[in-house]
Amino acid sequence: MFESIAAFWAEYGNVLTDGVWDTLVMVVISTAFAYLIGLPLGVALILTQPHGIRPHRGVYRVLDWIVNIGRSVPFIILMGASPALTLIIFAMLPLMIACTRFFNKRMRAVYRESRHQVGEINAQVEDSLLGIRVVKSFANEEIEERKSFTTATTSLCASTAANTSIWPASTPLRASSTD
């Protein structure tokens, strides 16, 4: 068995290493172009979309047009390389669109149902936590009263101190507004 592998490698090893090297070079170059062109283009599209951080209708339309033209380039290349394969792919396109719409409709229904269930679970958890808090309050009524009194006293002292420090600075404004 090892002899057949050695014979295969001796005959096709150079071709395989050249092919692997060429593939790696193509992947690295295409990845570099994808990052150098695609990342800024994608960020600009997200920023300028109608509900983006910096909406700009004109820039968004131009960038969107560029992206849509760029999406059709692989099909143009495929059509030049193999028209028969391109026709087979385009023949399957209506089926892909129909399947996409069907699954999209099903997934939306599932998503709506799961959001509803999460909302119900959230409401039940809130009710449970509120009930636990009320029960603990009745069980530790004295502790809760002291805690409430301490919190109220602290916030009253803080607000009084803040108002006292603001009062002299705002007195001339108050006096002039009452005149």
N, C-alpha and C. Protein backbone atom coordinates (compact mmCIF):
# COMPACT_ATOMS: atom_id res chain seq x y z
N MET A 1 0.83 -1.19 0.00
CA MET A 1 0.00 0.00 0.00
C MET A 1 0.87 1.25 0.00
N PHE A 2 1.95 1.23 0.81
CA PHE A 2 2.82 2.40 0.88
C PHE A 2 3.56 2.62 -0.44
N GLU A 3 3.78 1.50 -1.19
CA GLU A 3 4.45 1.64 -2.47
C GLU A 3 3.58 2.39 -3.46
N SER A 4 2.26 2.11 -3.42
CA SER A 4 1.35 2.79 -4.36
C SER A 4 1.22 4.28 -4.01
N ILE A 5 1.23 4.59 -2.70
CA ILE A 5 1.18 6.00 -2.29
C ILE A 5 2.46 6.71 -2.71
N ALA A 6 3.60 6.05 -2.55
CA ALA A 6 4.88 6.63 -2.95
C ALA A 6 4.93 6.83 -4.46
N ALA A 7 4.41 5.87 -5.22
CA ALA A 7 4.40 6.00 -6.68
C ALA A 7 3.48 7.14 -7.11
N PHE A 8 2.31 7.24 -6.46
CA PHE A 8 1.38 8.34 -6.76
C PHE A 8 2.02 9.68 -6.45
N TRP A 9 2.67 9.78 -5.30
CA TRP A 9 3.30 11.03 -4.90
C TRP A 9 4.46 11.40 -5.83
N ALA A 10 5.21 10.39 -6.26
CA ALA A 10 6.32 10.65 -7.18
C ALA A 10 5.81 11.17 -8.52
N GLU A 11 4.66 10.66 -8.96
CA GLU A 11 4.13 11.08 -10.26
C GLU A 11 3.37 12.39 -10.18
N TYR A 12 2.54 12.58 -9.14
CA TYR A 12 1.65 13.75 -9.08
C TYR A 12 1.98 14.71 -7.94
N GLY A 13 3.03 14.48 -7.19
CA GLY A 13 3.35 15.32 -6.03
C GLY A 13 3.59 16.77 -6.39
N ASN A 14 4.36 17.00 -7.49
CA ASN A 14 4.63 18.38 -7.90
C ASN A 14 3.36 19.10 -8.32
N VAL A 15 2.49 18.39 -9.01
CA VAL A 15 1.22 19.00 -9.46
C VAL A 15 0.35 19.35 -8.25
N LEU A 16 0.29 18.41 -7.28
CA LEU A 16 -0.53 18.66 -6.09
C LEU A 16 0.01 19.82 -5.26
N THR A 17 1.31 19.88 -5.04
CA THR A 17 1.87 20.99 -4.25
C THR A 17 1.69 22.31 -4.97
N ASP A 18 1.87 22.32 -6.31
CA ASP A 18 1.61 23.55 -7.07
C ASP A 18 0.14 23.97 -6.95
N GLY A 19 -0.77 23.00 -7.04
CA GLY A 19 -2.20 23.31 -6.93
C GLY A 19 -2.57 23.83 -5.55
N VAL A 20 -2.02 23.22 -4.51
CA VAL A 20 -2.31 23.68 -3.14
C VAL A 20 -1.75 25.09 -2.94
N TRP A 21 -0.53 25.33 -3.44
CA TRP A 21 0.06 26.65 -3.31
C TRP A 21 -0.76 27.70 -4.06
N ASP A 22 -1.17 27.39 -5.28
CA ASP A 22 -1.99 28.33 -6.06
C ASP A 22 -3.32 28.61 -5.36
N THR A 23 -3.92 27.58 -4.79
CA THR A 23 -5.18 27.76 -4.06
C THR A 23 -4.99 28.66 -2.86
N LEU A 24 -3.94 28.45 -2.09
CA LEU A 24 -3.68 29.29 -0.92
C LEU A 24 -3.44 30.75 -1.31
N VAL A 25 -2.69 30.95 -2.40
CA VAL A 25 -2.43 32.32 -2.87
C VAL A 25 -3.75 32.98 -3.28
N MET A 26 -4.60 32.27 -4.01
CA MET A 26 -5.88 32.84 -4.43
C MET A 26 -6.76 33.16 -3.24
N VAL A 27 -6.80 32.28 -2.25
CA VAL A 27 -7.62 32.52 -1.06
C VAL A 27 -7.12 33.74 -0.28
N VAL A 28 -5.82 33.84 -0.11
CA VAL A 28 -5.26 34.97 0.64
C VAL A 28 -5.51 36.29 -0.09
N ILE A 29 -5.29 36.30 -1.41
CA ILE A 29 -5.50 37.53 -2.17
C ILE A 29 -6.98 37.93 -2.18
N SER A 30 -7.87 36.97 -2.40
CA SER A 30 -9.30 37.31 -2.41
C SER A 30 -9.79 37.73 -1.03
N THR A 31 -9.26 37.12 0.01
CA THR A 31 -9.64 37.53 1.37
C THR A 31 -9.15 38.94 1.66
N ALA A 32 -7.93 39.26 1.23
CA ALA A 32 -7.41 40.61 1.43
C ALA A 32 -8.27 41.63 0.71
N PHE A 33 -8.64 41.35 -0.56
CA PHE A 33 -9.51 42.28 -1.28
C PHE A 33 -10.89 42.37 -0.63
N ALA A 34 -11.40 41.26 -0.14
CA ALA A 34 -12.71 41.29 0.51
C ALA A 34 -12.68 42.18 1.75
N TYR A 35 -11.63 42.08 2.54
CA TYR A 35 -11.52 42.93 3.73
C TYR A 35 -11.25 44.38 3.37
N LEU A 36 -10.35 44.61 2.42
CA LEU A 36 -9.98 45.98 2.07
C LEU A 36 -11.11 46.74 1.38
N ILE A 37 -11.92 46.05 0.60
CA ILE A 37 -13.02 46.70 -0.11
C ILE A 37 -14.34 46.48 0.61
N GLY A 38 -14.60 45.26 1.04
CA GLY A 38 -15.90 44.93 1.61
C GLY A 38 -16.16 45.53 2.96
N LEU A 39 -15.17 45.55 3.83
CA LEU A 39 -15.39 46.07 5.18
C LEU A 39 -15.73 47.56 5.18
N PRO A 40 -14.95 48.42 4.52
CA PRO A 40 -15.34 49.83 4.49
C PRO A 40 -16.67 50.06 3.78
N LEU A 41 -16.92 49.30 2.72
CA LEU A 41 -18.17 49.44 1.99
C LEU A 41 -19.36 49.03 2.87
N GLY A 42 -19.20 47.93 3.60
CA GLY A 42 -20.27 47.49 4.50
C GLY A 42 -20.51 48.47 5.63
N VAL A 43 -19.44 48.99 6.21
CA VAL A 43 -19.59 49.97 7.29
C VAL A 43 -20.27 51.23 6.76
N ALA A 44 -19.88 51.68 5.57
CA ALA A 44 -20.50 52.87 4.99
C ALA A 44 -21.98 52.62 4.70
N LEU A 45 -22.33 51.43 4.24
CA LEU A 45 -23.74 51.11 4.00
C LEU A 45 -24.54 51.13 5.30
N ILE A 46 -23.99 50.55 6.35
CA ILE A 46 -24.70 50.52 7.63
C ILE A 46 -24.86 51.94 8.18
N LEU A 47 -23.83 52.75 8.06
CA LEU A 47 -23.89 54.11 8.59
C LEU A 47 -24.87 54.99 7.84
N THR A 48 -24.96 54.83 6.50
CA THR A 48 -25.77 55.73 5.70
C THR A 48 -27.15 55.18 5.38
N GLN A 49 -27.50 54.01 5.88
CA GLN A 49 -28.84 53.48 5.60
C GLN A 49 -29.89 54.38 6.24
N PRO A 50 -31.16 54.30 5.82
CA PRO A 50 -32.18 55.23 6.30
C PRO A 50 -32.31 55.33 7.82
N HIS A 51 -32.10 54.25 8.54
CA HIS A 51 -32.18 54.31 10.01
C HIS A 51 -30.81 54.12 10.64
N GLY A 52 -29.76 54.50 9.92
CA GLY A 52 -28.40 54.34 10.42
C GLY A 52 -27.98 55.49 11.30
N ILE A 53 -26.72 55.48 11.67
CA ILE A 53 -26.18 56.52 12.54
C ILE A 53 -26.10 57.86 11.81
N ARG A 54 -25.66 57.83 10.56
CA ARG A 54 -25.55 59.03 9.72
C ARG A 54 -26.32 58.80 8.42
N PRO A 55 -27.65 58.84 8.44
CA PRO A 55 -28.42 58.55 7.22
C PRO A 55 -28.13 59.57 6.12
N HIS A 56 -27.85 59.06 4.93
CA HIS A 56 -27.62 59.91 3.77
C HIS A 56 -28.14 59.15 2.56
N ARG A 57 -29.26 59.58 2.03
CA ARG A 57 -29.96 58.83 1.00
C ARG A 57 -29.13 58.67 -0.28
N GLY A 58 -28.48 59.72 -0.74
CA GLY A 58 -27.71 59.66 -1.98
C GLY A 58 -26.54 58.71 -1.89
N VAL A 59 -25.75 58.84 -0.83
CA VAL A 59 -24.59 57.97 -0.65
C VAL A 59 -25.04 56.52 -0.52
N TYR A 60 -26.12 56.30 0.23
CA TYR A 60 -26.61 54.94 0.43
C TYR A 60 -27.04 54.32 -0.90
N ARG A 61 -27.74 55.09 -1.73
CA ARG A 61 -28.19 54.53 -3.01
C ARG A 61 -27.02 54.19 -3.93
N VAL A 62 -26.01 55.05 -3.97
CA VAL A 62 -24.84 54.78 -4.82
C VAL A 62 -24.11 53.52 -4.32
N LEU A 63 -23.88 53.43 -3.00
CA LEU A 63 -23.18 52.26 -2.45
C LEU A 63 -24.00 50.99 -2.64
N ASP A 64 -25.33 51.09 -2.48
CA ASP A 64 -26.20 49.94 -2.67
C ASP A 64 -26.15 49.47 -4.12
N TRP A 65 -26.12 50.41 -5.06
CA TRP A 65 -26.02 50.06 -6.47
C TRP A 65 -24.70 49.36 -6.76
N ILE A 66 -23.62 49.85 -6.18
CA ILE A 66 -22.31 49.23 -6.37
C ILE A 66 -22.31 47.80 -5.85
N VAL A 67 -22.90 47.59 -4.67
CA VAL A 67 -22.97 46.25 -4.09
C VAL A 67 -23.81 45.33 -4.97
N ASN A 68 -24.94 45.81 -5.46
CA ASN A 68 -25.79 44.97 -6.31
C ASN A 68 -25.10 44.60 -7.62
N ILE A 69 -24.35 45.52 -8.19
CA ILE A 69 -23.58 45.20 -9.40
C ILE A 69 -22.50 44.17 -9.06
N GLY A 70 -21.84 44.35 -7.92
CA GLY A 70 -20.80 43.42 -7.50
C GLY A 70 -21.32 42.02 -7.26
N ARG A 71 -22.58 41.90 -6.84
CA ARG A 71 -23.16 40.58 -6.63
C ARG A 71 -23.38 39.83 -7.93
N SER A 72 -23.59 40.57 -9.02
CA SER A 72 -23.85 39.89 -10.30
C SER A 72 -22.58 39.48 -11.02
N VAL A 73 -21.42 39.97 -10.61
CA VAL A 73 -20.16 39.64 -11.29
C VAL A 73 -19.87 38.14 -11.30
N PRO A 74 -20.05 37.39 -10.20
CA PRO A 74 -19.78 35.94 -10.27
C PRO A 74 -20.65 35.22 -11.30
N PHE A 75 -21.92 35.63 -11.46
CA PHE A 75 -22.77 34.99 -12.45
C PHE A 75 -22.32 35.33 -13.87
N ILE A 76 -21.83 36.54 -14.06
CA ILE A 76 -21.32 36.91 -15.39
C ILE A 76 -20.09 36.08 -15.72
N ILE A 77 -19.21 35.90 -14.74
CA ILE A 77 -18.02 35.06 -14.96
C ILE A 77 -18.43 33.62 -15.23
N LEU A 78 -19.39 33.11 -14.44
CA LEU A 78 -19.86 31.74 -14.65
C LEU A 78 -20.50 31.58 -16.02
N MET A 79 -21.23 32.60 -16.48
CA MET A 79 -21.87 32.52 -17.78
C MET A 79 -20.82 32.46 -18.90
N GLY A 80 -19.74 33.20 -18.71
CA GLY A 80 -18.67 33.14 -19.70
C GLY A 80 -17.93 31.82 -19.66
N ALA A 81 -17.77 31.24 -18.49
CA ALA A 81 -17.02 29.99 -18.35
C ALA A 81 -17.84 28.78 -18.76
N SER A 82 -19.10 28.73 -18.35
CA SER A 82 -19.92 27.56 -18.65
C SER A 82 -21.39 27.98 -18.79
N PRO A 83 -21.83 28.28 -20.00
CA PRO A 83 -23.22 28.71 -20.20
C PRO A 83 -24.24 27.64 -19.80
N ALA A 84 -23.91 26.37 -20.02
CA ALA A 84 -24.87 25.30 -19.67
C ALA A 84 -25.09 25.24 -18.16
N LEU A 85 -24.00 25.33 -17.39
CA LEU A 85 -24.12 25.32 -15.93
C LEU A 85 -24.89 26.54 -15.43
N THR A 86 -24.66 27.68 -16.07
CA THR A 86 -25.37 28.90 -15.70
C THR A 86 -26.87 28.73 -15.93
N LEU A 87 -27.27 28.13 -17.06
CA LEU A 87 -28.69 27.89 -17.34
C LEU A 87 -29.31 26.94 -16.32
N ILE A 88 -28.57 25.93 -15.91
CA ILE A 88 -29.09 25.01 -14.89
C ILE A 88 -29.31 25.74 -13.58
N ILE A 89 -28.38 26.60 -13.21
CA ILE A 89 -28.52 27.36 -11.96
C ILE A 89 -29.71 28.30 -12.05
N PHE A 90 -29.85 28.99 -13.19
CA PHE A 90 -30.99 29.91 -13.33
C PHE A 90 -32.31 29.15 -13.40
N ALA A 91 -32.30 27.91 -13.88
CA ALA A 91 -33.53 27.11 -13.89
C ALA A 91 -33.96 26.77 -12.47
N MET A 92 -33.00 26.62 -11.57
CA MET A 92 -33.34 26.30 -10.17
C MET A 92 -33.70 27.55 -9.37
N LEU A 93 -33.47 28.73 -9.91
CA LEU A 93 -33.70 29.97 -9.18
C LEU A 93 -35.15 30.14 -8.71
N PRO A 94 -36.17 29.89 -9.55
CA PRO A 94 -37.55 30.02 -9.03
C PRO A 94 -37.85 29.07 -7.88
N LEU A 95 -37.31 27.87 -7.94
CA LEU A 95 -37.50 26.92 -6.84
C LEU A 95 -36.84 27.43 -5.56
N MET A 96 -35.65 27.99 -5.68
CA MET A 96 -34.97 28.54 -4.50
C MET A 96 -35.75 29.71 -3.91
N ILE A 97 -36.30 30.56 -4.76
CA ILE A 97 -37.08 31.71 -4.27
C ILE A 97 -38.33 31.22 -3.55
N ALA A 98 -39.02 30.24 -4.14
CA ALA A 98 -40.23 29.70 -3.50
C ALA A 98 -39.91 29.07 -2.15
N CYS A 99 -38.84 28.30 -2.08
CA CYS A 99 -38.45 27.68 -0.81
C CYS A 99 -38.06 28.72 0.22
N THR A 100 -37.37 29.74 -0.22
CA THR A 100 -36.96 30.81 0.70
C THR A 100 -38.17 31.51 1.29
N ARG A 101 -39.14 31.83 0.45
CA ARG A 101 -40.36 32.51 0.95
C ARG A 101 -41.13 31.59 1.90
N PHE A 102 -41.23 30.32 1.57
CA PHE A 102 -41.96 29.38 2.42
C PHE A 102 -41.31 29.27 3.80
N PHE A 103 -40.00 29.06 3.82
CA PHE A 103 -39.31 28.92 5.10
C PHE A 103 -39.27 30.25 5.87
N ASN A 104 -39.20 31.35 5.15
CA ASN A 104 -39.23 32.65 5.80
C ASN A 104 -40.56 32.84 6.53
N LYS A 105 -41.65 32.46 5.88
CA LYS A 105 -42.98 32.59 6.51
C LYS A 105 -43.07 31.70 7.75
N ARG A 106 -42.55 30.47 7.65
CA ARG A 106 -42.59 29.57 8.80
C ARG A 106 -41.72 30.08 9.94
N MET A 107 -40.54 30.57 9.62
CA MET A 107 -39.63 31.06 10.66
C MET A 107 -40.20 32.30 11.35
N ARG A 108 -40.87 33.16 10.60
CA ARG A 108 -41.49 34.33 11.24
C ARG A 108 -42.57 33.91 12.23
N ALA A 109 -43.36 32.92 11.85
CA ALA A 109 -44.39 32.43 12.77
C ALA A 109 -43.77 31.84 14.02
N VAL A 110 -42.72 31.05 13.85
CA VAL A 110 -42.03 30.46 15.00
C VAL A 110 -41.41 31.55 15.86
N TYR A 111 -40.82 32.56 15.23
CA TYR A 111 -40.20 33.66 15.96
C TYR A 111 -41.25 34.43 16.78
N ARG A 112 -42.39 34.72 16.15
CA ARG A 112 -43.46 35.41 16.87
C ARG A 112 -43.93 34.59 18.07
N GLU A 113 -44.11 33.29 17.88
CA GLU A 113 -44.56 32.42 18.96
C GLU A 113 -43.53 32.37 20.08
N SER A 114 -42.25 32.26 19.72
CA SER A 114 -41.22 32.20 20.77
C SER A 114 -41.14 33.53 21.52
N ARG A 115 -41.30 34.66 20.83
CA ARG A 115 -41.30 35.95 21.51
C ARG A 115 -42.48 36.04 22.48
N HIS A 116 -43.63 35.52 22.07
CA HIS A 116 -44.80 35.51 22.95
C HIS A 116 -44.54 34.65 24.18
N GLN A 117 -43.94 33.48 23.98
CA GLN A 117 -43.64 32.60 25.10
C GLN A 117 -42.61 33.22 26.04
N VAL A 118 -41.61 33.88 25.49
CA VAL A 118 -40.61 34.55 26.33
C VAL A 118 -41.26 35.66 27.14
N GLY A 119 -42.19 36.39 26.52
CA GLY A 119 -42.91 37.43 27.24
C GLY A 119 -43.73 36.87 28.40
N GLU A 120 -44.40 35.74 28.16
CA GLU A 120 -45.18 35.11 29.23
C GLU A 120 -44.28 34.63 30.36
N ILE A 121 -43.16 34.02 30.01
CA ILE A 121 -42.21 33.55 31.03
C ILE A 121 -41.67 34.72 31.82
N ASN A 122 -41.35 35.80 31.14
CA ASN A 122 -40.84 37.00 31.81
C ASN A 122 -41.88 37.55 32.78
N ALA A 123 -43.15 37.58 32.37
CA ALA A 123 -44.21 38.07 33.26
C ALA A 123 -44.35 37.16 34.48
N GLN A 124 -44.27 35.85 34.28
CA GLN A 124 -44.37 34.92 35.40
C GLN A 124 -43.20 35.09 36.36
N VAL A 125 -42.00 35.29 35.84
CA VAL A 125 -40.83 35.48 36.69
C VAL A 125 -40.96 36.78 37.48
N GLU A 126 -41.41 37.84 36.82
CA GLU A 126 -41.60 39.10 37.52
C GLU A 126 -42.63 38.97 38.64
N ASP A 127 -43.74 38.29 38.34
CA ASP A 127 -44.76 38.07 39.37
C ASP A 127 -44.21 37.26 40.53
N SER A 128 -43.45 36.23 40.22
CA SER A 128 -42.86 35.40 41.28
C SER A 128 -41.89 36.20 42.13
N LEU A 129 -41.03 36.96 41.49
CA LEU A 129 -40.07 37.77 42.24
C LEU A 129 -40.77 38.82 43.09
N LEU A 130 -41.81 39.43 42.54
CA LEU A 130 -42.56 40.43 43.30
C LEU A 130 -43.23 39.77 44.50
N GLY A 131 -43.80 38.57 44.30
CA GLY A 131 -44.43 37.86 45.40
C GLY A 131 -43.41 37.48 46.47
N ILE A 132 -42.24 37.05 46.06
CA ILE A 132 -41.19 36.70 47.02
C ILE A 132 -40.79 37.93 47.81
N ARG A 133 -40.66 39.05 47.15
CA ARG A 133 -40.28 40.30 47.83
C ARG A 133 -41.34 40.70 48.86
N VAL A 134 -42.63 40.57 48.49
CA VAL A 134 -43.70 40.93 49.42
C VAL A 134 -43.70 40.00 50.62
N VAL A 135 -43.54 38.70 50.38
CA VAL A 135 -43.53 37.74 51.49
C VAL A 135 -42.35 38.01 52.41
N LYS A 136 -41.18 38.27 51.85
CA LYS A 136 -40.02 38.58 52.68
C LYS A 136 -40.23 39.88 53.45
N SER A 137 -40.91 40.83 52.84
CA SER A 137 -41.17 42.10 53.53
C SER A 137 -42.04 41.87 54.76
N PHE A 138 -43.09 41.05 54.62
CA PHE A 138 -43.94 40.78 55.77
C PHE A 138 -43.20 39.98 56.84
N ALA A 139 -42.33 39.10 56.43
CA ALA A 139 -41.59 38.29 57.39
C ALA A 139 -40.57 39.13 58.14
N ASN A 140 -39.99 40.09 57.49
CA ASN A 140 -38.96 40.93 58.09
C ASN A 140 -39.43 42.38 58.16
N GLU A 141 -40.61 42.58 58.68
CA GLU A 141 -41.21 43.91 58.65
C GLU A 141 -40.35 44.94 59.38
N GLU A 142 -39.82 44.58 60.50
CA GLU A 142 -39.01 45.53 61.26
C GLU A 142 -37.73 45.90 60.50
N ILE A 143 -37.11 44.89 59.92
CA ILE A 143 -35.88 45.14 59.16
C ILE A 143 -36.18 46.04 57.96
N GLU A 144 -37.29 45.76 57.27
CA GLU A 144 -37.67 46.55 56.10
C GLU A 144 -37.98 47.99 56.50
N GLU A 145 -38.64 48.17 57.64
CA GLU A 145 -38.93 49.54 58.09
C GLU A 145 -37.65 50.29 58.38
N ARG A 146 -36.69 49.64 59.03
CA ARG A 146 -35.41 50.31 59.31
C ARG A 146 -34.67 50.62 58.01
N LYS A 147 -34.71 49.66 57.08
CA LYS A 147 -34.04 49.86 55.81
C LYS A 147 -34.68 51.03 55.05
N SER A 148 -36.00 51.06 54.99
CA SER A 148 -36.72 52.14 54.31
C SER A 148 -36.44 53.47 54.98
N PHE A 149 -36.47 53.49 56.34
CA PHE A 149 -36.22 54.72 57.07
C PHE A 149 -34.80 55.22 56.81
N THR A 150 -33.83 54.29 56.82
CA THR A 150 -32.44 54.66 56.57
C THR A 150 -32.26 55.19 55.15
N THR A 151 -32.86 54.53 54.18
CA THR A 151 -32.77 54.97 52.79
C THR A 151 -33.43 56.33 52.61
N ALA A 152 -34.59 56.50 53.19
CA ALA A 152 -35.31 57.77 53.07
C ALA A 152 -34.52 58.89 53.75
N THR A 153 -33.96 58.62 54.92
CA THR A 153 -33.19 59.64 55.63
C THR A 153 -31.95 60.01 54.83
N THR A 154 -31.26 59.03 54.28
CA THR A 154 -30.06 59.30 53.50
C THR A 154 -30.39 60.12 52.26
N SER A 155 -31.44 59.77 51.54
CA SER A 155 -31.79 60.52 50.33
C SER A 155 -32.27 61.92 50.68
N LEU A 156 -32.98 62.10 51.82
CA LEU A 156 -33.43 63.42 52.24
C LEU A 156 -32.24 64.29 52.60
N CYS A 157 -31.27 63.73 53.32
CA CYS A 157 -30.07 64.49 53.67
C CYS A 157 -29.29 64.89 52.43
N ALA A 158 -29.18 63.97 51.46
CA ALA A 158 -28.44 64.26 50.23
C ALA A 158 -29.14 65.35 49.43
N SER A 159 -30.46 65.27 49.31
CA SER A 159 -31.17 66.29 48.54
C SER A 159 -31.15 67.63 49.25
N THR A 160 -31.22 67.63 50.58
CA THR A 160 -31.14 68.89 51.33
C THR A 160 -29.77 69.51 51.15
N ALA A 161 -28.73 68.70 51.18
CA ALA A 161 -27.38 69.23 51.00
C ALA A 161 -27.21 69.78 49.59
N ALA A 162 -27.76 69.10 48.60
CA ALA A 162 -27.65 69.59 47.22
C ALA A 162 -28.43 70.88 47.04
N ASN A 163 -29.62 70.96 47.62
CA ASN A 163 -30.43 72.18 47.50
C ASN A 163 -29.79 73.33 48.24
N THR A 164 -29.17 73.06 49.38
CA THR A 164 -28.52 74.10 50.17
C THR A 164 -27.34 74.68 49.41
N SER A 165 -26.60 73.83 48.69
CA SER A 165 -25.44 74.34 47.96
C SER A 165 -25.87 75.09 46.71
N ILE A 166 -27.02 74.81 46.17
CA ILE A 166 -27.51 75.51 44.99
C ILE A 166 -28.22 76.81 45.37
N TRP A 167 -28.86 76.86 46.53
CA TRP A 167 -29.71 77.98 46.92
C TRP A 167 -29.01 79.33 46.86
N PRO A 168 -27.81 79.53 47.42
CA PRO A 168 -27.20 80.86 47.36
C PRO A 168 -26.88 81.30 45.94
N ALA A 169 -26.52 80.36 45.08
CA ALA A 169 -26.18 80.74 43.70
C ALA A 169 -27.42 81.12 42.92
N SER A 170 -28.56 80.55 43.25
CA SER A 170 -29.78 80.84 42.49
C SER A 170 -30.61 81.95 43.12
N THR A 171 -30.23 82.48 44.28
CA THR A 171 -31.01 83.51 44.97
C THR A 171 -31.12 84.78 44.14
N PRO A 172 -30.06 85.30 43.51
CA PRO A 172 -30.24 86.50 42.71
C PRO A 172 -31.17 86.30 41.54
N LEU A 173 -31.17 85.09 40.97
CA LEU A 173 -32.08 84.82 39.87
C LEU A 173 -33.52 84.81 40.36
N ARG A 174 -33.75 84.25 41.52
CA ARG A 174 -35.10 84.22 42.08
C ARG A 174 -35.58 85.62 42.44
N ALA A 175 -34.67 86.39 42.98
CA ALA A 175 -35.05 87.75 43.37
C ALA A 175 -35.38 88.58 42.12
N SER A 176 -34.63 88.43 41.04
CA SER A 176 -34.91 89.19 39.84
C SER A 176 -36.15 88.70 39.12
N SER A 177 -36.48 87.42 39.27
CA SER A 177 -37.68 86.92 38.59
C SER A 177 -38.94 87.30 39.32
N THR A 178 -38.87 87.60 40.61
CA THR A 178 -40.07 87.99 41.35
C THR A 178 -40.34 89.47 41.21
N ASP A 179 -39.38 90.26 40.74
CA ASP A 179 -39.59 91.71 40.57
C ASP A 179 -40.50 92.04 39.42
